[in-house]
Protein backbone atom coordinates (compact mmCIF):
# COMPACT_ATOMS: atom_id res chain seq x y z
CA MET A 1 109.26 -210.85 113.60
CA GLU A 2 109.50 -212.06 110.00
CA LEU A 3 107.40 -214.87 108.51
CA GLU A 4 108.77 -216.97 105.64
CA VAL A 5 106.38 -219.42 103.90
CA SER A 6 107.52 -222.04 101.37
CA GLU A 7 106.08 -225.13 99.63
CA ILE A 8 107.72 -228.49 100.38
CA GLU A 9 107.09 -232.16 99.69
CA LEU A 10 106.57 -234.33 102.77
CA ASP A 11 106.02 -238.13 102.52
CA GLY A 12 105.00 -237.79 98.90
CA ARG A 13 102.50 -235.05 99.63
CA ARG A 14 102.73 -231.30 99.07
CA ALA A 15 102.78 -229.16 102.19
CA LEU A 16 103.41 -225.59 103.31
CA GLN A 17 106.29 -224.79 105.63
CA ALA A 18 106.18 -221.62 107.75
CA ILE A 19 109.28 -220.26 109.50
CA LEU A 20 108.96 -217.43 112.01
CA MET A 21 112.24 -215.60 112.58
CA ASP A 22 113.14 -212.96 115.17
CA VAL A 23 114.83 -210.19 113.14
CA THR A 24 114.86 -207.59 115.91
CA ALA A 25 118.66 -207.44 116.03
CA ARG A 26 118.92 -207.08 112.26
CA VAL A 27 116.31 -204.30 112.12
CA GLU A 28 117.98 -202.45 115.00
CA ALA A 29 121.38 -202.76 113.32
CA GLU A 30 119.93 -201.38 110.08
CA ARG A 31 118.31 -198.49 111.96
CA GLN A 32 121.58 -197.64 113.68
CA ARG A 33 123.43 -197.84 110.36
CA ARG A 34 120.99 -195.39 108.73
CA GLU A 35 121.16 -193.07 111.73
CA LEU A 36 124.96 -193.10 111.69
CA GLU A 37 125.00 -192.47 107.94
CA THR A 38 122.64 -189.50 108.36
CA ARG A 39 124.79 -188.05 111.13
CA MET A 40 127.95 -188.44 109.09
CA GLN A 41 126.37 -186.71 106.09
CA GLU A 42 125.16 -183.88 108.33
CA ALA A 43 128.59 -183.55 109.94
CA GLN A 44 130.30 -183.45 106.53
CA ARG A 45 127.86 -180.81 105.27
CA LEU A 46 128.36 -178.61 108.33
CA GLU A 47 132.12 -179.13 108.19
CA SER A 48 132.14 -177.96 104.57
CA LEU A 49 130.12 -174.88 105.52
CA GLY A 50 132.55 -174.25 108.38
CA VAL A 51 135.58 -174.39 106.08
CA LEU A 52 133.88 -171.99 103.69
CA ALA A 53 132.87 -169.62 106.50
CA GLY A 54 136.38 -169.63 107.99
CA GLY A 55 138.00 -168.90 104.64
CA VAL A 56 135.61 -166.04 103.88
CA ALA A 57 136.16 -164.54 107.34
CA HIS A 58 139.96 -164.73 106.98
CA ASP A 59 140.04 -163.00 103.59
CA PHE A 60 137.48 -160.40 104.65
CA ASN A 61 139.43 -159.62 107.83
CA ASN A 62 142.48 -158.84 105.70
CA LEU A 63 140.41 -156.29 103.77
CA LEU A 64 138.98 -154.83 106.97
CA ALA A 65 142.51 -154.44 108.35
CA ALA A 66 143.27 -151.93 105.59
CA ILE A 67 139.95 -150.12 106.08
CA MET A 68 140.22 -149.91 109.88
CA GLY A 69 143.87 -148.85 109.75
CA ASN A 70 143.21 -146.07 107.27
CA THR A 71 140.36 -144.69 109.36
CA GLU A 72 142.88 -144.22 112.19
CA PHE A 73 144.87 -141.85 109.98
CA LEU A 74 141.80 -140.18 108.50
CA ARG A 75 140.64 -139.13 111.98
CA GLU A 76 143.70 -136.90 112.28
CA GLY A 77 143.25 -135.47 108.78
CA VAL A 78 139.59 -134.46 109.27
CA ALA A 79 140.08 -132.76 112.63
CA GLY A 80 138.20 -129.46 112.48
CA HIS A 81 135.85 -130.67 109.74
CA PRO A 82 132.72 -132.00 111.53
CA GLU A 83 131.02 -133.40 108.43
CA LEU A 84 134.10 -135.33 107.32
CA ALA A 85 134.76 -136.49 110.89
CA CYS A 86 131.20 -137.83 111.08
CA ALA A 87 131.71 -139.75 107.82
CA VAL A 88 134.95 -141.28 109.11
CA ASP A 89 133.22 -142.28 112.34
CA GLU A 90 130.47 -144.02 110.35
CA VAL A 91 133.08 -145.94 108.35
CA ALA A 92 134.79 -146.98 111.59
CA VAL A 93 131.52 -148.20 113.14
CA ALA A 94 130.61 -150.15 109.99
CA THR A 95 134.08 -151.73 109.94
CA GLU A 96 133.76 -152.82 113.57
CA ARG A 97 130.37 -154.39 112.84
CA ALA A 98 131.82 -156.19 109.84
CA ALA A 99 134.68 -157.44 112.02
CA GLU A 100 132.14 -158.78 114.52
CA LEU A 101 130.41 -160.68 111.70
CA CYS A 102 133.79 -162.19 110.81
CA ARG A 103 134.31 -163.22 114.42
CA GLN A 104 130.93 -164.95 114.35
CA LEU A 105 131.90 -166.76 111.15
CA LEU A 106 135.14 -167.87 112.78
CA ALA A 107 133.22 -169.05 115.82
CA TYR A 108 130.92 -171.09 113.58
CA SER A 109 133.86 -172.59 111.72
CA GLY A 110 135.60 -173.54 114.97
CA ARG A 111 138.63 -171.34 114.15
CA ARG A 112 138.45 -169.42 117.44
CA THR A 113 140.76 -170.73 120.14
CA LEU A 114 139.42 -170.76 123.69
CA SER A 115 140.89 -169.01 126.70
CA ARG A 116 139.51 -171.57 129.14
CA GLN A 117 139.12 -171.29 132.89
CA PRO A 118 136.76 -172.82 135.48
CA LEU A 119 133.61 -170.72 135.19
CA ASP A 120 130.33 -170.36 137.09
CA LEU A 121 127.58 -170.30 134.46
CA THR A 122 125.05 -168.68 136.80
CA ARG A 123 127.45 -165.85 137.63
CA LEU A 124 128.12 -165.28 133.92
CA VAL A 125 124.40 -165.02 133.12
CA GLU A 126 123.89 -162.63 136.02
CA GLU A 127 126.70 -160.43 134.73
CA SER A 128 125.16 -160.52 131.24
CA SER A 129 121.60 -159.78 132.39
CA ARG A 130 121.94 -156.00 132.13
CA LEU A 131 123.16 -156.21 128.54
CA ILE A 132 120.34 -158.63 127.71
CA GLY A 133 117.82 -156.26 129.30
CA VAL A 134 118.82 -153.32 127.12
CA THR A 135 119.12 -155.46 123.96
CA VAL A 136 115.73 -157.16 123.88
CA PRO A 137 112.58 -155.03 123.26
CA ARG A 138 110.96 -153.43 126.30
CA GLN A 139 107.68 -155.32 125.91
CA VAL A 140 109.47 -158.64 126.41
CA GLU A 141 109.10 -160.03 129.94
CA LEU A 142 112.51 -161.34 130.94
CA ASP A 143 112.53 -163.95 133.71
CA LEU A 144 115.76 -165.31 135.21
CA ALA A 145 115.72 -168.56 137.20
CA LEU A 146 119.40 -169.14 137.96
CA ALA A 147 120.55 -171.99 140.16
CA PRO A 148 123.23 -171.12 142.75
CA GLY A 149 126.24 -173.26 143.55
CA LEU A 150 126.59 -174.93 140.15
CA PRO A 151 129.62 -177.07 139.33
CA ALA A 152 132.15 -175.18 137.24
CA ILE A 153 132.55 -175.66 133.50
CA SER A 154 135.71 -175.15 131.45
CA ALA A 155 134.85 -172.18 129.26
CA ASP A 156 135.92 -168.96 127.59
CA ALA A 157 133.87 -166.30 129.35
CA SER A 158 133.73 -163.82 126.44
CA LEU A 159 132.52 -166.47 123.97
CA LEU A 160 129.97 -167.88 126.41
CA ARG A 161 128.51 -164.39 126.90
CA GLN A 162 127.97 -164.34 123.15
CA VAL A 163 126.03 -167.61 123.43
CA VAL A 164 123.80 -166.22 126.20
CA LEU A 165 123.13 -162.96 124.35
CA ASN A 166 122.44 -164.57 120.96
CA LEU A 167 120.03 -167.13 122.41
CA ALA A 168 118.19 -164.42 124.37
CA VAL A 169 117.92 -162.11 121.37
CA ASN A 170 116.77 -164.95 119.12
CA ALA A 171 114.09 -165.89 121.66
CA ALA A 172 112.93 -162.27 121.91
CA GLU A 173 112.74 -161.93 118.13
CA ALA A 174 110.58 -165.08 117.99
CA LEU A 175 107.88 -163.13 119.88
CA GLY A 176 107.51 -160.66 117.03
CA ASP A 177 105.61 -157.49 117.94
CA GLY A 178 103.26 -159.24 120.33
CA PRO A 179 103.53 -159.67 124.10
CA GLY A 180 105.28 -162.59 125.66
CA GLY A 181 108.17 -163.64 127.79
CA VAL A 182 111.66 -165.08 127.63
CA ARG A 183 112.83 -167.32 130.47
CA ILE A 184 116.51 -168.00 131.10
CA ARG A 185 117.45 -170.82 133.44
CA THR A 186 120.64 -172.46 134.62
CA GLY A 187 121.00 -175.76 136.41
CA VAL A 188 122.69 -179.13 136.61
CA THR A 189 121.50 -182.42 135.15
CA THR A 190 122.71 -186.00 134.75
CA LEU A 191 122.40 -187.68 131.36
CA ASP A 192 122.66 -191.39 130.65
CA ARG A 193 123.58 -192.84 127.28
CA ALA A 194 120.03 -192.49 125.94
CA GLY A 195 119.88 -188.87 127.10
CA VAL A 196 123.14 -188.03 125.40
CA ARG A 197 121.94 -189.72 122.20
CA ARG A 198 118.93 -187.37 122.07
CA LEU A 199 121.13 -184.26 122.05
CA VAL A 200 121.74 -182.26 118.89
CA HIS A 201 125.45 -182.24 117.92
CA GLY A 202 126.22 -184.38 120.98
CA ASP A 203 128.08 -187.19 119.22
CA GLN A 204 131.30 -186.44 121.11
CA LEU A 205 129.71 -186.52 124.59
CA SER A 206 129.72 -189.33 127.13
CA PRO A 207 127.13 -189.88 129.89
CA GLY A 208 127.74 -187.88 133.04
CA THR A 209 126.95 -184.64 134.87
CA PHE A 210 126.25 -181.50 132.85
CA VAL A 211 125.60 -177.85 133.59
CA TYR A 212 122.93 -176.33 131.38
CA LEU A 213 121.77 -172.98 130.08
CA GLU A 214 118.13 -172.97 128.97
CA VAL A 215 116.32 -170.22 127.05
CA GLU A 216 112.57 -170.54 126.50
CA ASP A 217 110.16 -168.22 124.70
CA ASP A 218 106.42 -167.89 124.07
CA GLY A 219 106.95 -167.21 120.39
CA CYS A 220 105.82 -168.74 117.14
CA GLY A 221 107.75 -172.00 117.54
CA MET A 222 109.55 -173.95 114.82
CA THR A 223 108.71 -176.72 112.41
CA GLU A 224 110.96 -179.79 112.22
CA GLU A 225 112.37 -178.45 108.95
CA VAL A 226 113.38 -175.15 110.58
CA GLN A 227 114.90 -176.99 113.55
CA GLY A 228 117.02 -179.02 111.13
CA ARG A 229 118.49 -175.83 109.62
CA LEU A 230 118.61 -173.77 112.82
CA PHE A 231 122.40 -173.51 113.04
CA GLU A 232 123.17 -172.96 109.37
CA PRO A 233 124.95 -169.67 108.62
CA PHE A 234 122.71 -167.04 107.01
CA PHE A 235 119.60 -169.20 107.38
CA SER A 236 116.78 -167.21 108.94
CA THR A 237 112.99 -167.21 109.11
CA LYS A 238 112.99 -163.48 109.86
CA PHE A 239 114.42 -161.47 106.99
CA THR A 240 117.28 -161.53 104.50
CA GLY A 241 120.80 -161.06 105.79
CA ARG A 242 120.41 -162.52 109.27
CA GLY A 243 121.21 -165.90 110.71
CA LEU A 244 124.86 -165.73 111.78
CA GLY A 245 124.06 -165.53 115.50
CA LEU A 246 122.93 -169.12 116.03
CA ALA A 247 125.53 -170.43 113.59
CA ALA A 248 128.17 -168.82 115.81
CA VAL A 249 126.46 -170.28 118.89
CA ARG A 250 126.78 -173.76 117.41
CA GLY A 251 130.50 -173.31 116.77
CA ILE A 252 131.15 -171.94 120.27
CA VAL A 253 129.14 -174.66 122.02
CA ARG A 254 130.80 -177.48 120.06
CA SER A 255 134.27 -176.04 120.73
CA HIS A 256 133.38 -176.17 124.45
CA GLY A 257 132.41 -179.85 124.19
CA GLY A 258 128.72 -179.00 124.59
CA ALA A 259 125.51 -179.89 122.77
CA PHE A 260 121.87 -178.84 122.41
CA GLU A 261 118.45 -180.09 123.39
CA ILE A 262 115.66 -178.45 121.37
CA HIS A 263 111.92 -178.58 122.04
CA SER A 264 109.64 -176.60 119.75
CA ALA A 265 106.44 -176.82 117.75
CA PRO A 266 104.53 -174.28 115.62
CA GLY A 267 102.46 -172.01 117.85
CA LYS A 268 103.90 -173.46 121.07
CA GLY A 269 107.12 -171.55 121.53
CA SER A 270 110.65 -172.92 121.74
CA ARG A 271 112.99 -174.15 124.44
CA ILE A 272 116.70 -174.49 123.69
CA ARG A 273 118.91 -176.07 126.34
CA VAL A 274 122.69 -175.98 126.00
CA VAL A 275 124.60 -178.52 128.10
CA PHE A 276 128.27 -178.41 129.04
CA PRO A 277 130.31 -181.12 130.82
CA ALA A 278 130.68 -180.26 134.51
CA LEU A 279 134.07 -180.03 136.20
CA ALA A 280 135.03 -181.29 139.64
CA VAL A 281 136.77 -178.00 140.50
CA PRO A 282 135.34 -174.66 141.66
CA ALA A 283 135.02 -171.67 139.36
CA GLY A 284 137.80 -169.11 139.52
CA PRO A 285 137.81 -165.33 139.03
CA GLU A 286 138.10 -163.93 135.52
CA THR A 287 141.37 -162.43 134.41
CA THR A 288 141.52 -158.98 132.89
CA ARG A 289 143.76 -157.76 130.10
CA ASP A 290 146.48 -155.21 130.53
CA ALA A 291 145.42 -151.59 130.15
CA GLU A 292 146.01 -149.97 126.78
CA ALA A 293 149.34 -148.25 126.45
CA ASP A 294 148.02 -144.89 125.27
CA GLY A 295 150.66 -142.52 124.00
CA TRP A 296 153.62 -144.89 124.25
CA ARG A 297 156.14 -144.77 121.40
CA GLY A 298 158.65 -147.37 120.30
CA GLU A 299 161.92 -147.22 118.43
CA GLY A 300 164.15 -149.42 116.31
CA ALA A 301 163.61 -151.68 113.31
CA VAL A 302 160.68 -154.09 113.13
CA LEU A 303 160.48 -156.90 110.59
CA LEU A 304 156.97 -157.04 109.08
CA ALA A 305 156.10 -160.13 107.01
CA ASP A 306 152.74 -160.34 105.25
CA ASP A 307 152.00 -161.66 101.76
CA GLU A 308 148.88 -159.46 101.37
CA PRO A 309 149.81 -155.96 100.07
CA ALA A 310 146.90 -154.00 101.62
CA PRO A 311 147.23 -155.15 105.24
CA ARG A 312 151.03 -155.12 104.93
CA GLY A 313 150.96 -151.49 103.84
CA ILE A 314 148.62 -150.26 106.56
CA THR A 315 150.46 -152.23 109.27
CA ALA A 316 153.71 -150.60 108.15
CA ARG A 317 152.11 -147.17 108.47
CA LEU A 318 150.86 -148.02 111.96
CA LEU A 319 154.35 -149.15 112.99
CA ALA A 320 155.82 -145.91 111.69
CA ALA A 321 153.15 -143.88 113.52
CA ILE A 322 154.13 -145.58 116.78
CA GLY A 323 157.81 -144.74 116.19
CA PHE A 324 159.26 -147.94 114.75
CA GLU A 325 161.15 -148.39 111.48
CA PRO A 326 159.23 -151.05 109.49
CA VAL A 327 161.23 -153.41 107.29
CA LEU A 328 158.81 -155.11 104.89
CA ALA A 329 158.87 -158.67 103.56
CA ASN A 330 156.44 -160.16 101.05
CA GLY A 331 156.09 -163.59 102.65
CA GLY A 332 158.10 -166.01 104.78
CA PRO A 333 161.20 -166.72 102.66
CA GLU A 334 161.86 -163.03 102.05
CA ALA A 335 161.41 -162.33 105.78
CA VAL A 336 164.09 -164.89 106.69
CA ARG A 337 166.43 -163.46 104.04
CA ARG A 338 166.02 -159.84 105.13
CA PHE A 339 166.39 -160.74 108.80
CA GLY A 340 169.53 -162.77 108.10
CA GLU A 341 171.25 -159.74 106.59
CA ASP A 342 171.55 -158.13 110.05
CA PRO A 343 169.75 -160.03 112.88
CA GLY A 344 170.95 -157.66 115.59
CA ARG A 345 169.26 -154.73 113.90
CA PHE A 346 165.72 -155.81 114.72
CA ARG A 347 163.90 -155.01 117.94
CA LEU A 348 161.02 -157.40 117.19
CA ALA A 349 159.07 -159.06 114.36
CA VAL A 350 155.43 -158.84 113.28
CA LEU A 351 154.48 -161.96 111.30
CA ASP A 352 151.31 -162.91 109.46
CA VAL A 353 150.34 -166.48 110.38
CA VAL A 354 149.13 -167.77 106.99
CA MET A 355 151.72 -167.24 104.25
CA PRO A 356 152.69 -169.42 101.25
CA GLY A 357 156.09 -171.09 101.19
CA LEU A 358 156.81 -170.59 104.89
CA ASP A 359 154.11 -169.69 107.41
CA GLY A 360 154.43 -167.42 110.42
CA PRO A 361 155.39 -170.09 112.98
CA GLY A 362 158.00 -171.44 110.55
CA VAL A 363 159.46 -167.96 110.08
CA CYS A 364 159.52 -167.48 113.85
CA ARG A 365 161.57 -170.63 114.36
CA ARG A 366 164.09 -169.58 111.68
CA LEU A 367 164.43 -166.06 113.11
CA ARG A 368 164.98 -167.29 116.65
CA GLU A 369 167.74 -169.60 115.44
CA LEU A 370 169.54 -166.42 114.42
CA HIS A 371 168.35 -164.26 117.32
CA PRO A 372 167.18 -166.31 120.35
CA GLY A 373 164.51 -164.58 122.40
CA LEU A 374 163.42 -162.26 119.57
CA PRO A 375 159.96 -160.81 120.49
CA VAL A 376 157.35 -161.86 117.91
CA LEU A 377 153.80 -160.63 117.40
CA PHE A 378 151.67 -162.88 115.19
CA ILE A 379 148.79 -161.30 113.26
CA SER A 380 146.11 -163.08 111.25
CA GLY A 381 142.63 -162.82 109.78
CA TYR A 382 141.97 -166.11 111.58
CA ASP A 383 142.01 -166.43 115.35
CA ASP A 384 145.05 -167.95 117.10
CA ASP A 385 143.99 -171.50 116.24
CA GLY A 386 147.01 -173.77 115.91
CA LEU A 387 149.38 -171.36 117.67
CA GLN A 388 148.98 -172.70 121.21
CA GLY A 389 152.48 -174.21 121.33
CA VAL A 390 154.12 -171.15 119.82
CA LEU A 391 152.24 -168.67 122.02
CA ALA A 392 153.37 -170.56 125.11
CA GLU A 393 156.94 -169.41 124.37
CA PRO A 394 158.28 -166.24 126.04
CA ALA A 395 158.10 -162.90 124.20
CA THR A 396 155.32 -164.10 121.88
CA ASP A 397 151.83 -162.68 121.39
CA PHE A 398 148.92 -162.67 118.92
CA LEU A 399 146.59 -159.99 117.54
CA GLN A 400 143.68 -160.70 115.24
CA LYS A 401 143.03 -158.57 112.18
CA PRO A 402 141.51 -156.04 111.91
CA PHE A 403 142.92 -154.17 114.90
CA LYS A 404 143.01 -150.60 116.12
CA LEU A 405 146.13 -148.53 116.68
CA ALA A 406 145.67 -148.60 120.47
CA GLU A 407 145.48 -152.42 120.50
CA PHE A 408 148.53 -152.69 118.27
CA ARG A 409 150.53 -150.24 120.41
CA SER A 410 149.62 -152.10 123.61
CA ARG A 411 150.86 -155.47 122.30
CA LEU A 412 154.06 -153.98 120.90
CA ARG A 413 154.82 -152.19 124.14
CA ARG A 414 154.37 -155.41 126.10
CA LEU A 415 156.70 -157.31 123.74
CA SER A 416 159.43 -154.73 123.15
CA GLY A 417 160.10 -153.91 126.80
CA PRO A 418 161.61 -150.63 127.96
CA SER A 419 163.14 -148.36 125.34
CA ASP A 420 166.88 -147.93 125.29
């Protein structure tokens, strides 16, 4: 209520007039306006960080492509030299770890496309429990309380395993060197509009039925300030250089249409619940990828278009090692020109997705006008975001940089078909 007092003249005498007004609606509207403004500012800040993270990951993946590709050739050159072979192996391991960091950055930025299928969250956690058990320290008491018969969720199994593992490891690290436990639960819950409003990053959700993953620890807990920065990349309360895990978790969960519920206080541990919209269909079995085509060799000319010299050079060497004749193009326009000189010469094309002038999908359309049905393998430092329509076409595939020779050979074999 708001009281307004004023002096008036009444029948020739001075008097005070008091007006009591109900301003509840105005105050509530102002509160909602401030809350919306805060959310928009937070969303813009996180979106800017996501764009930065995605760009860094893309450029770094291009560099890693050259490093990983060259280690494939170095392995052959150091055969019989144990010390040199050990050094090459260490470079390869470091490159794979760097590539995993890039994948986490891409997950945070939302640049990872999902391979969705109806999935049983309890079954996924059960399958991940062994990996969690060997990852967290031995002194941590791990307790699983997994509900059977959950509704399915639409999810990418490999990315959701990353969510489970990162949350479990983060909870275990919160215990420090002392004793304590980590509890992982799954279940189903119904949220009304007020419940959805309390979620973190849940602006896109509507009331309904949700399946949840909950990870609780007996650790040090978090202040409100730490909770506010929990999902920022490279923010950590532990030590310098960490903090990508939960940033990637945020990106994965949001790309699945999910959100968070966080309960924590200093000295009282933390409980993070991740909720996902439930489906009205049962979970299906996971699909497995084709086996690697070890030892297979190709033949014929392959058009390779990439505007970055280092990854273009190493990809050409990998093509030659498999048995193909690489024909190089520095970008989209040159690729179309070189292909147009003799379309029937080419067995397939390997195209970088992001190129100035004419991008990979644009090149693909131009090439297939000249040679319908031409097999095309897209490669990129990003994930296959934005390629869904193109990848739905026959004889089309995608491989993310950096990649190993065996992965490259397997995709090319699948696309090129039997040798003549």
